[in-house]
Amino acid sequence: ASNASGVIVTITTTKITDTSAPANDLIEATATITAGTTTRIYARL
């Protein structure tokens, strides 16, 4: 999605460890600015 300044961030994930519930999976998330410019971005799950 885009913000009012035209910045677009795309977040991709890679499952590092896949375990059965109730154990935790390990997922790597990468946030990439795909349009516009900004000095910083924050990501959350």
PDB file of all heavy atoms in Angstrom:
ATOM      1  N   ALA A   1       0.844  -1.202   0.000  1.00  0.00           N
ATOM      2  CA  ALA A   1       0.000   0.000   0.000  1.00  0.00           C
ATOM      3  C   ALA A   1       0.878   1.251   0.000  1.00  0.00           C
ATOM      4  O   ALA A   1       2.025   1.230   0.443  1.00  0.00           O
ATOM      5  CB  ALA A   1      -0.915   0.005   1.215  1.00  0.00           C
ATOM      6  N   SER A   2       0.298   2.353  -0.474  1.00  0.00           N
ATOM      7  CA  SER A   2       0.993   3.626  -0.588  1.00  0.00           C
ATOM      8  C   SER A   2       0.574   4.564   0.543  1.00  0.00           C
ATOM      9  O   SER A   2      -0.563   4.526   0.991  1.00  0.00           O
ATOM     10  CB  SER A   2       0.646   4.255  -1.941  1.00  0.00           C
ATOM     11  OG  SER A   2       1.136   5.572  -2.025  1.00  0.00           O
ATOM     12  N   ASN A   3       1.499   5.422   0.989  1.00  0.00           N
ATOM     13  CA  ASN A   3       1.117   6.467   1.935  1.00  0.00           C
ATOM     14  C   ASN A   3       0.870   7.770   1.172  1.00  0.00           C
ATOM     15  O   ASN A   3       0.989   7.816  -0.059  1.00  0.00           O
ATOM     16  CB  ASN A   3       2.149   6.628   3.057  1.00  0.00           C
ATOM     17  CG  ASN A   3       3.459   7.247   2.602  1.00  0.00           C
ATOM     18  OD1 ASN A   3       3.635   7.641   1.453  1.00  0.00           O
ATOM     19  ND2 ASN A   3       4.408   7.320   3.521  1.00  0.00           N
ATOM     20  N   ALA A   4       0.550   8.855   1.870  1.00  0.00           N
ATOM     21  CA  ALA A   4       0.216  10.129   1.228  1.00  0.00           C
ATOM     22  C   ALA A   4       1.393  10.723   0.456  1.00  0.00           C
ATOM     23  O   ALA A   4       1.200  11.506  -0.464  1.00  0.00           O
ATOM     24  CB  ALA A   4      -0.277  11.121   2.277  1.00  0.00           C
ATOM     25  N   SER A   5       2.615  10.340   0.801  1.00  0.00           N
ATOM     26  CA  SER A   5       3.813  10.850   0.121  1.00  0.00           C
ATOM     27  C   SER A   5       4.205  10.003  -1.082  1.00  0.00           C
ATOM     28  O   SER A   5       5.219  10.269  -1.720  1.00  0.00           O
ATOM     29  CB  SER A   5       4.986  10.897   1.102  1.00  0.00           C
ATOM     30  OG  SER A   5       4.680  11.750   2.179  1.00  0.00           O
ATOM     31  N   GLY A   6       3.438   8.953  -1.378  1.00  0.00           N
ATOM     32  CA  GLY A   6       3.741   8.092  -2.515  1.00  0.00           C
ATOM     33  C   GLY A   6       4.743   6.992  -2.235  1.00  0.00           C
ATOM     34  O   GLY A   6       5.204   6.313  -3.144  1.00  0.00           O
ATOM     35  N   VAL A   7       5.079   6.795  -0.965  1.00  0.00           N
ATOM     36  CA  VAL A   7       5.992   5.712  -0.598  1.00  0.00           C
ATOM     37  C   VAL A   7       5.201   4.405  -0.585  1.00  0.00           C
ATOM     38  O   VAL A   7       4.089   4.348  -0.050  1.00  0.00           O
ATOM     39  CB  VAL A   7       6.633   5.962   0.783  1.00  0.00           C
ATOM     40  CG1 VAL A   7       7.482   4.776   1.225  1.00  0.00           C
ATOM     41  CG2 VAL A   7       7.464   7.237   0.765  1.00  0.00           C
ATOM     42  N   ILE A   8       5.780   3.387  -1.184  1.00  0.00           N
ATOM     43  CA  ILE A   8       5.202   2.042  -1.150  1.00  0.00           C
ATOM     44  C   ILE A   8       6.263   1.103  -0.600  1.00  0.00           C
ATOM     45  O   ILE A   8       7.411   1.121  -1.040  1.00  0.00           O
ATOM     46  CB  ILE A   8       4.760   1.567  -2.546  1.00  0.00           C
ATOM     47  CG1 ILE A   8       3.682   2.494  -3.105  1.00  0.00           C
ATOM     48  CG2 ILE A   8       4.254   0.125  -2.493  1.00  0.00           C
ATOM     49  CD1 ILE A   8       3.297   2.193  -4.538  1.00  0.00           C
ATOM     50  N   VAL A   9       5.872   0.301   0.375  1.00  0.00           N
ATOM     51  CA  VAL A   9       6.770  -0.693   0.961  1.00  0.00           C
ATOM     52  C   VAL A   9       6.149  -2.070   0.752  1.00  0.00           C
ATOM     53  O   VAL A   9       4.965  -2.272   1.035  1.00  0.00           O
ATOM     54  CB  VAL A   9       7.003  -0.431   2.463  1.00  0.00           C
ATOM     55  CG1 VAL A   9       7.846  -1.535   3.082  1.00  0.00           C
ATOM     56  CG2 VAL A   9       7.666   0.927   2.664  1.00  0.00           C
ATOM     57  N   THR A  10       6.954  -2.980   0.244  1.00  0.00           N
ATOM     58  CA  THR A  10       6.516  -4.359   0.050  1.00  0.00           C
ATOM     59  C   THR A  10       7.253  -5.235   1.061  1.00  0.00           C
ATOM     60  O   THR A  10       8.474  -5.150   1.193  1.00  0.00           O
ATOM     61  CB  THR A  10       6.821  -4.830  -1.381  1.00  0.00           C
ATOM     62  OG1 THR A  10       6.156  -3.943  -2.292  1.00  0.00           O
ATOM     63  CG2 THR A  10       6.347  -6.243  -1.612  1.00  0.00           C
ATOM     64  N   ILE A  11       6.491  -6.045   1.771  1.00  0.00           N
ATOM     65  CA  ILE A  11       7.074  -6.926   2.783  1.00  0.00           C
ATOM     66  C   ILE A  11       6.944  -8.365   2.290  1.00  0.00           C
ATOM     67  O   ILE A  11       5.852  -8.829   1.981  1.00  0.00           O
ATOM     68  CB  ILE A  11       6.374  -6.759   4.140  1.00  0.00           C
ATOM     69  CG1 ILE A  11       6.482  -5.293   4.604  1.00  0.00           C
ATOM     70  CG2 ILE A  11       6.961  -7.710   5.178  1.00  0.00           C
ATOM     71  CD1 ILE A  11       5.635  -4.954   5.802  1.00  0.00           C
ATOM     72  N   THR A  12       8.079  -9.034   2.187  1.00  0.00           N
ATOM     73  CA  THR A  12       8.104 -10.438   1.772  1.00  0.00           C
ATOM     74  C   THR A  12       8.592 -11.286   2.943  1.00  0.00           C
ATOM     75  O   THR A  12       9.328 -10.811   3.804  1.00  0.00           O
ATOM     76  CB  THR A  12       9.022 -10.656   0.555  1.00  0.00           C
ATOM     77  OG1 THR A  12      10.338 -10.179   0.873  1.00  0.00           O
ATOM     78  CG2 THR A  12       8.504  -9.909  -0.665  1.00  0.00           C
ATOM     79  N   THR A  13       8.156 -12.534   2.968  1.00  0.00           N
ATOM     80  CA  THR A  13       8.548 -13.418   4.066  1.00  0.00           C
ATOM     81  C   THR A  13       9.123 -14.721   3.536  1.00  0.00           C
ATOM     82  O   THR A  13       8.787 -15.167   2.443  1.00  0.00           O
ATOM     83  CB  THR A  13       7.339 -13.744   4.969  1.00  0.00           C
ATOM     84  OG1 THR A  13       6.337 -14.401   4.198  1.00  0.00           O
ATOM     85  CG2 THR A  13       6.765 -12.494   5.597  1.00  0.00           C
ATOM     86  N   THR A  14       9.979 -15.289   4.343  1.00  0.00           N
ATOM     87  CA  THR A  14      10.546 -16.603   4.080  1.00  0.00           C
ATOM     88  C   THR A  14      10.429 -17.419   5.353  1.00  0.00           C
ATOM     89  O   THR A  14      10.845 -16.959   6.431  1.00  0.00           O
ATOM     90  CB  THR A  14      12.041 -16.501   3.688  1.00  0.00           C
ATOM     91  OG1 THR A  14      12.156 -15.649   2.555  1.00  0.00           O
ATOM     92  CG2 THR A  14      12.626 -17.861   3.382  1.00  0.00           C
ATOM     93  N   LYS A  15       9.826 -18.599   5.258  1.00  0.00           N
ATOM     94  CA  LYS A  15       9.703 -19.465   6.435  1.00  0.00           C
ATOM     95  C   LYS A  15      11.022 -20.213   6.598  1.00  0.00           C
ATOM     96  O   LYS A  15      11.411 -21.005   5.756  1.00  0.00           O
ATOM     97  CB  LYS A  15       8.543 -20.439   6.280  1.00  0.00           C
ATOM     98  CG  LYS A  15       8.216 -21.181   7.558  1.00  0.00           C
ATOM     99  CD  LYS A  15       7.001 -22.052   7.414  1.00  0.00           C
ATOM    100  CE  LYS A  15       5.764 -21.181   7.378  1.00  0.00           C
ATOM    101  NZ  LYS A  15       4.530 -21.967   7.501  1.00  0.00           N
ATOM    102  N   ILE A  16      11.722 -19.924   7.682  1.00  0.00           N
ATOM    103  CA  ILE A  16      13.019 -20.540   7.969  1.00  0.00           C
ATOM    104  C   ILE A  16      12.825 -21.898   8.629  1.00  0.00           C
ATOM    105  O   ILE A  16      13.480 -22.868   8.280  1.00  0.00           O
ATOM    106  CB  ILE A  16      13.869 -19.620   8.880  1.00  0.00           C
ATOM    107  CG1 ILE A  16      14.010 -18.219   8.268  1.00  0.00           C
ATOM    108  CG2 ILE A  16      15.223 -20.234   9.178  1.00  0.00           C
ATOM    109  CD1 ILE A  16      14.708 -18.165   6.938  1.00  0.00           C
ATOM    110  N   THR A  17      11.931 -21.956   9.618  1.00  0.00           N
ATOM    111  CA  THR A  17      11.635 -23.196  10.335  1.00  0.00           C
ATOM    112  C   THR A  17      10.128 -23.375  10.387  1.00  0.00           C
ATOM    113  O   THR A  17       9.414 -22.478  10.811  1.00  0.00           O
ATOM    114  CB  THR A  17      12.192 -23.154  11.771  1.00  0.00           C
ATOM    115  OG1 THR A  17      13.585 -22.880  11.721  1.00  0.00           O
ATOM    116  CG2 THR A  17      11.965 -24.467  12.492  1.00  0.00           C
ATOM    117  N   ASP A  18       9.653 -24.525   9.953  1.00  0.00           N
ATOM    118  CA  ASP A  18       8.221 -24.824   9.951  1.00  0.00           C
ATOM    119  C   ASP A  18       7.974 -25.928  10.964  1.00  0.00           C
ATOM    120  O   ASP A  18       8.421 -27.052  10.788  1.00  0.00           O
ATOM    121  CB  ASP A  18       7.797 -25.267   8.553  1.00  0.00           C
ATOM    122  CG  ASP A  18       6.299 -25.422   8.410  1.00  0.00           C
ATOM    123  OD1 ASP A  18       5.567 -25.093   9.358  1.00  0.00           O
ATOM    124  OD2 ASP A  18       5.861 -25.879   7.340  1.00  0.00           O
ATOM    125  N   THR A  19       7.268 -25.588  12.049  1.00  0.00           N
ATOM    126  CA  THR A  19       6.991 -26.566  13.099  1.00  0.00           C
ATOM    127  C   THR A  19       5.492 -26.714  13.297  1.00  0.00           C
ATOM    128  O   THR A  19       4.707 -25.857  12.916  1.00  0.00           O
ATOM    129  CB  THR A  19       7.634 -26.137  14.427  1.00  0.00           C
ATOM    130  OG1 THR A  19       7.127 -24.851  14.783  1.00  0.00           O
ATOM    131  CG2 THR A  19       9.144 -26.066  14.319  1.00  0.00           C
ATOM    132  N   SER A  20       5.098 -27.793  13.901  1.00  0.00           N
ATOM    133  CA  SER A  20       3.677 -28.033  14.185  1.00  0.00           C
ATOM    134  C   SER A  20       3.255 -27.252  15.426  1.00  0.00           C
ATOM    135  O   SER A  20       4.037 -27.080  16.360  1.00  0.00           O
ATOM    136  CB  SER A  20       3.437 -29.519  14.425  1.00  0.00           C
ATOM    137  OG  SER A  20       3.775 -30.260  13.272  1.00  0.00           O
ATOM    138  N   ALA A  21       2.021 -26.768  15.410  1.00  0.00           N
ATOM    139  CA  ALA A  21       1.479 -26.055  16.577  1.00  0.00           C
ATOM    140  C   ALA A  21       1.461 -27.006  17.765  1.00  0.00           C
ATOM    141  O   ALA A  21       1.275 -28.202  17.590  1.00  0.00           O
ATOM    142  CB  ALA A  21       0.082 -25.550  16.257  1.00  0.00           C
ATOM    143  N   PRO A  22       1.727 -26.574  18.956  1.00  0.00           N
ATOM    144  CA  PRO A  22       1.802 -25.195  19.399  1.00  0.00           C
ATOM    145  C   PRO A  22       3.209 -24.601  19.363  1.00  0.00           C
ATOM    146  O   PRO A  22       3.421 -23.501  19.855  1.00  0.00           O
ATOM    147  CB  PRO A  22       1.297 -25.263  20.832  1.00  0.00           C
ATOM    148  CG  PRO A  22       1.820 -26.578  21.308  1.00  0.00           C
ATOM    149  CD  PRO A  22       1.723 -27.484  20.092  1.00  0.00           C
ATOM    150  N   ALA A  23       4.176 -25.273  18.777  1.00  0.00           N
ATOM    151  CA  ALA A  23       5.528 -24.735  18.683  1.00  0.00           C
ATOM    152  C   ALA A  23       5.549 -23.550  17.709  1.00  0.00           C
ATOM    153  O   ALA A  23       4.641 -23.378  16.902  1.00  0.00           O
ATOM    154  CB  ALA A  23       6.501 -25.811  18.218  1.00  0.00           C
ATOM    155  N   ASN A  24       6.571 -22.729  17.790  1.00  0.00           N
ATOM    156  CA  ASN A  24       6.674 -21.523  16.977  1.00  0.00           C
ATOM    157  C   ASN A  24       7.422 -21.775  15.675  1.00  0.00           C
ATOM    158  O   ASN A  24       8.408 -22.503  15.650  1.00  0.00           O
ATOM    159  CB  ASN A  24       7.405 -20.424  17.750  1.00  0.00           C
ATOM    160  CG  ASN A  24       6.666 -20.010  18.990  1.00  0.00           C
ATOM    161  OD1 ASN A  24       5.456 -19.905  18.975  1.00  0.00           O
ATOM    162  ND2 ASN A  24       7.387 -19.781  20.063  1.00  0.00           N
ATOM    163  N   ASP A  25       6.949 -21.146  14.592  1.00  0.00           N
ATOM    164  CA  ASP A  25       7.686 -21.128  13.333  1.00  0.00           C
ATOM    165  C   ASP A  25       8.693 -19.985  13.399  1.00  0.00           C
ATOM    166  O   ASP A  25       8.517 -19.031  14.147  1.00  0.00           O
ATOM    167  CB  ASP A  25       6.754 -20.871  12.142  1.00  0.00           C
ATOM    168  CG  ASP A  25       5.785 -22.013  11.900  1.00  0.00           C
ATOM    169  OD1 ASP A  25       6.037 -23.131  12.374  1.00  0.00           O
ATOM    170  OD2 ASP A  25       4.767 -21.763  11.237  1.00  0.00           O
ATOM    171  N   LEU A  26       9.739 -20.066  12.586  1.00  0.00           N
ATOM    172  CA  LEU A  26      10.696 -18.976  12.454  1.00  0.00           C
ATOM    173  C   LEU A  26      10.527 -18.403  11.056  1.00  0.00           C
ATOM    174  O   LEU A  26      10.688 -19.123  10.062  1.00  0.00           O
ATOM    175  CB  LEU A  26      12.133 -19.475  12.663  1.00  0.00           C
ATOM    176  CG  LEU A  26      13.234 -18.443  12.474  1.00  0.00           C
ATOM    177  CD1 LEU A  26      13.079 -17.305  13.474  1.00  0.00           C
ATOM    178  CD2 LEU A  26      14.587 -19.098  12.602  1.00  0.00           C
ATOM    179  N   ILE A  27      10.148 -17.117  10.982  1.00  0.00           N
ATOM    180  CA  ILE A  27       9.882 -16.465   9.711  1.00  0.00           C
ATOM    181  C   ILE A  27      10.749 -15.222   9.603  1.00  0.00           C
ATOM    182  O   ILE A  27      10.827 -14.425  10.538  1.00  0.00           O
ATOM    183  CB  ILE A  27       8.397 -16.078   9.588  1.00  0.00           C
ATOM    184  CG1 ILE A  27       7.540 -17.351   9.621  1.00  0.00           C
ATOM    185  CG2 ILE A  27       8.135 -15.282   8.323  1.00  0.00           C
ATOM    186  CD1 ILE A  27       6.063 -17.119   9.684  1.00  0.00           C
ATOM    187  N   GLU A  28      11.399 -15.061   8.446  1.00  0.00           N
ATOM    188  CA  GLU A  28      12.189 -13.864   8.171  1.00  0.00           C
ATOM    189  C   GLU A  28      11.357 -12.927   7.303  1.00  0.00           C
ATOM    190  O   GLU A  28      10.835 -13.346   6.269  1.00  0.00           O
ATOM    191  CB  GLU A  28      13.473 -14.244   7.446  1.00  0.00           C
ATOM    192  CG  GLU A  28      14.340 -13.069   7.081  1.00  0.00           C
ATOM    193  CD  GLU A  28      15.581 -13.515   6.354  1.00  0.00           C
ATOM    194  OE1 GLU A  28      15.508 -13.701   5.121  1.00  0.00           O
ATOM    195  OE2 GLU A  28      16.607 -13.693   7.023  1.00  0.00           O
ATOM    196  N   ALA A  29      11.203 -11.681   7.725  1.00  0.00           N
ATOM    197  CA  ALA A  29      10.452 -10.684   6.958  1.00  0.00           C
ATOM    198  C   ALA A  29      11.422  -9.627   6.445  1.00  0.00           C
ATOM    199  O   ALA A  29      12.275  -9.145   7.190  1.00  0.00           O
ATOM    200  CB  ALA A  29       9.386 -10.048   7.823  1.00  0.00           C
ATOM    201  N   THR A  30      11.263  -9.260   5.168  1.00  0.00           N
ATOM    202  CA  THR A  30      12.097  -8.233   4.551  1.00  0.00           C
ATOM    203  C   THR A  30      11.192  -7.131   4.017  1.00  0.00           C
ATOM    204  O   THR A  30      10.291  -7.396   3.224  1.00  0.00           O
ATOM    205  CB  THR A  30      12.929  -8.823   3.394  1.00  0.00           C
ATOM    206  OG1 THR A  30      13.713  -9.903   3.907  1.00  0.00           O
ATOM    207  CG2 THR A  30      13.831  -7.783   2.778  1.00  0.00           C
ATOM    208  N   ALA A  31      11.416  -5.894   4.471  1.00  0.00           N
ATOM    209  CA  ALA A  31      10.647  -4.738   4.007  1.00  0.00           C
ATOM    210  C   ALA A  31      11.492  -3.974   2.991  1.00  0.00           C
ATOM    211  O   ALA A  31      12.613  -3.574   3.288  1.00  0.00           O
ATOM    212  CB  ALA A  31      10.284  -3.844   5.182  1.00  0.00           C
ATOM    213  N   THR A  32      10.940  -3.772   1.790  1.00  0.00           N
ATOM    214  CA  THR A  32      11.644  -3.102   0.710  1.00  0.00           C
ATOM    215  C   THR A  32      10.832  -1.915   0.218  1.00  0.00           C
ATOM    216  O   THR A  32       9.638  -2.056  -0.066  1.00  0.00           O
ATOM    217  CB  THR A  32      11.868  -4.079  -0.469  1.00  0.00           C
ATOM    218  OG1 THR A  32      12.541  -5.242   0.020  1.00  0.00           O
ATOM    219  CG2 THR A  32      12.685  -3.446  -1.566  1.00  0.00           C
ATOM    220  N   ILE A  33      11.467  -0.742   0.131  1.00  0.00           N
ATOM    221  CA  ILE A  33      10.804   0.436  -0.433  1.00  0.00           C
ATOM    222  C   ILE A  33      10.769   0.233  -1.938  1.00  0.00           C
ATOM    223  O   ILE A  33      11.807   0.170  -2.591  1.00  0.00           O
ATOM    224  CB  ILE A  33      11.547   1.722  -0.068  1.00  0.00           C
ATOM    225  CG1 ILE A  33      11.591   1.887   1.447  1.00  0.00           C
ATOM    226  CG2 ILE A  33      10.895   2.934  -0.728  1.00  0.00           C
ATOM    227  CD1 ILE A  33      12.506   2.999   1.921  1.00  0.00           C
ATOM    228  N   THR A  34       9.552   0.100  -2.502  1.00  0.00           N
ATOM    229  CA  THR A  34       9.416  -0.177  -3.934  1.00  0.00           C
ATOM    230  C   THR A  34       8.976   1.041  -4.727  1.00  0.00           C
ATOM    231  O   THR A  34       8.943   0.995  -5.960  1.00  0.00           O
ATOM    232  CB  THR A  34       8.439  -1.346  -4.162  1.00  0.00           C
ATOM    233  OG1 THR A  34       7.202  -1.076  -3.488  1.00  0.00           O
ATOM    234  CG2 THR A  34       9.017  -2.649  -3.620  1.00  0.00           C
ATOM    235  N   ALA A  35       8.637   2.151  -4.052  1.00  0.00           N
ATOM    236  CA  ALA A  35       8.315   3.415  -4.732  1.00  0.00           C
ATOM    237  C   ALA A  35       8.505   4.553  -3.739  1.00  0.00           C
ATOM    238  O   ALA A  35       8.300   4.386  -2.538  1.00  0.00           O
ATOM    239  CB  ALA A  35       6.884   3.408  -5.252  1.00  0.00           C
ATOM    240  N   GLY A  36       8.924   5.705  -4.231  1.00  0.00           N
ATOM    241  CA  GLY A  36       9.124   6.872  -3.380  1.00  0.00           C
ATOM    242  C   GLY A  36      10.406   6.781  -2.578  1.00  0.00           C
ATOM    243  O   GLY A  36      11.204   5.857  -2.745  1.00  0.00           O
ATOM    244  N   THR A  37      10.601   7.762  -1.711  1.00  0.00           N
ATOM    245  CA  THR A  37      11.779   7.780  -0.843  1.00  0.00           C
ATOM    246  C   THR A  37      11.362   8.187   0.566  1.00  0.00           C
ATOM    247  O   THR A  37      10.431   8.970   0.757  1.00  0.00           O
ATOM    248  CB  THR A  37      12.846   8.775  -1.348  1.00  0.00           C
ATOM    249  OG1 THR A  37      12.268  10.081  -1.396  1.00  0.00           O
ATOM    250  CG2 THR A  37      13.373   8.382  -2.710  1.00  0.00           C
ATOM    251  N   THR A  38      12.061   7.655   1.533  1.00  0.00           N
ATOM    252  CA  THR A  38      11.852   7.993   2.940  1.00  0.00           C
ATOM    253  C   THR A  38      13.138   7.680   3.689  1.00  0.00           C
ATOM    254  O   THR A  38      13.946   6.866   3.237  1.00  0.00           O
ATOM    255  CB  THR A  38      10.660   7.230   3.542  1.00  0.00           C
ATOM    256  OG1 THR A  38      10.438   7.702   4.878  1.00  0.00           O
ATOM    257  CG2 THR A  38      10.872   5.738   3.551  1.00  0.00           C
ATOM    258  N   THR A  39      13.351   8.340   4.800  1.00  0.00           N
ATOM    259  CA  THR A  39      14.578   8.115   5.569  1.00  0.00           C
ATOM    260  C   THR A  39      14.488   6.900   6.470  1.00  0.00           C
ATOM    261  O   THR A  39      15.507   6.360   6.874  1.00  0.00           O
ATOM    262  CB  THR A  39      14.919   9.346   6.425  1.00  0.00           C
ATOM    263  OG1 THR A  39      13.816   9.640   7.276  1.00  0.00           O
ATOM    264  CG2 THR A  39      15.235  10.547   5.543  1.00  0.00           C
ATOM    265  N   ARG A  40      13.256   6.461   6.776  1.00  0.00           N
ATOM    266  CA  ARG A  40      13.120   5.269   7.620  1.00  0.00           C
ATOM    267  C   ARG A  40      11.749   4.634   7.423  1.00  0.00           C
ATOM    268  O   ARG A  40      10.785   5.296   7.042  1.00  0.00           O
ATOM    269  CB  ARG A  40      13.327   5.603   9.089  1.00  0.00           C
ATOM    270  CG  ARG A  40      12.263   6.518   9.670  1.00  0.00           C
ATOM    271  CD  ARG A  40      12.545   6.830  11.115  1.00  0.00           C
ATOM    272  NE  ARG A  40      13.752   7.603  11.224  1.00  0.00           N
ATOM    273  CZ  ARG A  40      13.822   8.857  11.628  1.00  0.00           C
ATOM    274  NH1 ARG A  40      12.743   9.471  12.022  1.00  0.00           N
ATOM    275  NH2 ARG A  40      14.951   9.496  11.694  1.00  0.00           N
ATOM    276  N   ILE A  41      11.709   3.342   7.685  1.00  0.00           N
ATOM    277  CA  ILE A  41      10.445   2.618   7.711  1.00  0.00           C
ATOM    278  C   ILE A  41      10.448   1.697   8.920  1.00  0.00           C
ATOM    279  O   ILE A  41      11.494   1.287   9.407  1.00  0.00           O
ATOM    280  CB  ILE A  41      10.187   1.796   6.420  1.00  0.00           C
ATOM    281  CG1 ILE A  41      11.311   0.797   6.169  1.00  0.00           C
ATOM    282  CG2 ILE A  41       9.964   2.681   5.234  1.00  0.00           C
ATOM    283  CD1 ILE A  41      11.010  -0.199   5.075  1.00  0.00           C
ATOM    284  N   TYR A  42       9.268   1.393   9.388  1.00  0.00           N
ATOM    285  CA  TYR A  42       9.075   0.459  10.488  1.00  0.00           C
ATOM    286  C   TYR A  42       8.152  -0.647   9.982  1.00  0.00           C
ATOM    287  O   TYR A  42       7.266  -0.391   9.164  1.00  0.00           O
ATOM    288  CB  TYR A  42       8.442   1.152  11.694  1.00  0.00           C
ATOM    289  CG  TYR A  42       9.213   2.341  12.171  1.00  0.00           C
ATOM    290  CD1 TYR A  42       8.893   3.620  11.714  1.00  0.00           C
ATOM    291  CD2 TYR A  42      10.266   2.197  13.062  1.00  0.00           C
ATOM    292  CE1 TYR A  42       9.611   4.723  12.149  1.00  0.00           C
ATOM    293  CE2 TYR A  42      10.983   3.290  13.500  1.00  0.00           C
ATOM    294  CZ  TYR A  42      10.651   4.560  13.037  1.00  0.00           C
ATOM    295  OH  TYR A  42      11.365   5.650  13.464  1.00  0.00           O
ATOM    296  N   ALA A  43       8.346  -1.833  10.471  1.00  0.00           N
ATOM    297  CA  ALA A  43       7.487  -2.953  10.076  1.00  0.00           C
ATOM    298  C   ALA A  43       6.984  -3.644  11.334  1.00  0.00           C
ATOM    299  O   ALA A  43       7.649  -3.642  12.378  1.00  0.00           O
ATOM    300  CB  ALA A  43       8.263  -3.937   9.209  1.00  0.00           C
ATOM    301  N   ARG A  44       5.780  -4.204  11.218  1.00  0.00           N
ATOM    302  CA  ARG A  44       5.234  -4.959  12.348  1.00  0.00           C
ATOM    303  C   ARG A  44       4.426  -6.138  11.828  1.00  0.00           C
ATOM    304  O   ARG A  44       3.920  -6.137  10.713  1.00  0.00           O
ATOM    305  CB  ARG A  44       4.383  -4.081  13.253  1.00  0.00           C
ATOM    306  CG  ARG A  44       3.028  -3.709  12.693  1.00  0.00           C
ATOM    307  CD  ARG A  44       2.240  -2.880  13.687  1.00  0.00           C
ATOM    308  NE  ARG A  44       0.931  -2.516  13.174  1.00  0.00           N
ATOM    309  CZ  ARG A  44       0.070  -1.766  13.803  1.00  0.00           C
ATOM    310  NH1 ARG A  44       0.392  -1.268  15.002  1.00  0.00           N
ATOM    311  NH2 ARG A  44      -1.099  -1.480  13.277  1.00  0.00           N
ATOM    312  N   LEU A  45       4.314  -7.107  12.688  1.00  0.00           N
ATOM    313  CA  LEU A  45       3.502  -8.292  12.424  1.00  0.00           C
ATOM    314  C   LEU A  45       2.214  -8.128  13.213  1.00  0.00           C
ATOM    315  O   LEU A  45       2.237  -7.744  14.386  1.00  0.00           O
ATOM    316  CB  LEU A  45       4.246  -9.541  12.913  1.00  0.00           C
ATOM    317  CG  LEU A  45       3.396 -10.798  12.985  1.00  0.00           C
ATOM    318  CD1 LEU A  45       3.754 -11.694  11.836  1.00  0.00           C
ATOM    319  CD2 LEU A  45       3.616 -11.495  14.294  1.00  0.00           C
TER     320      LEU A  45
END
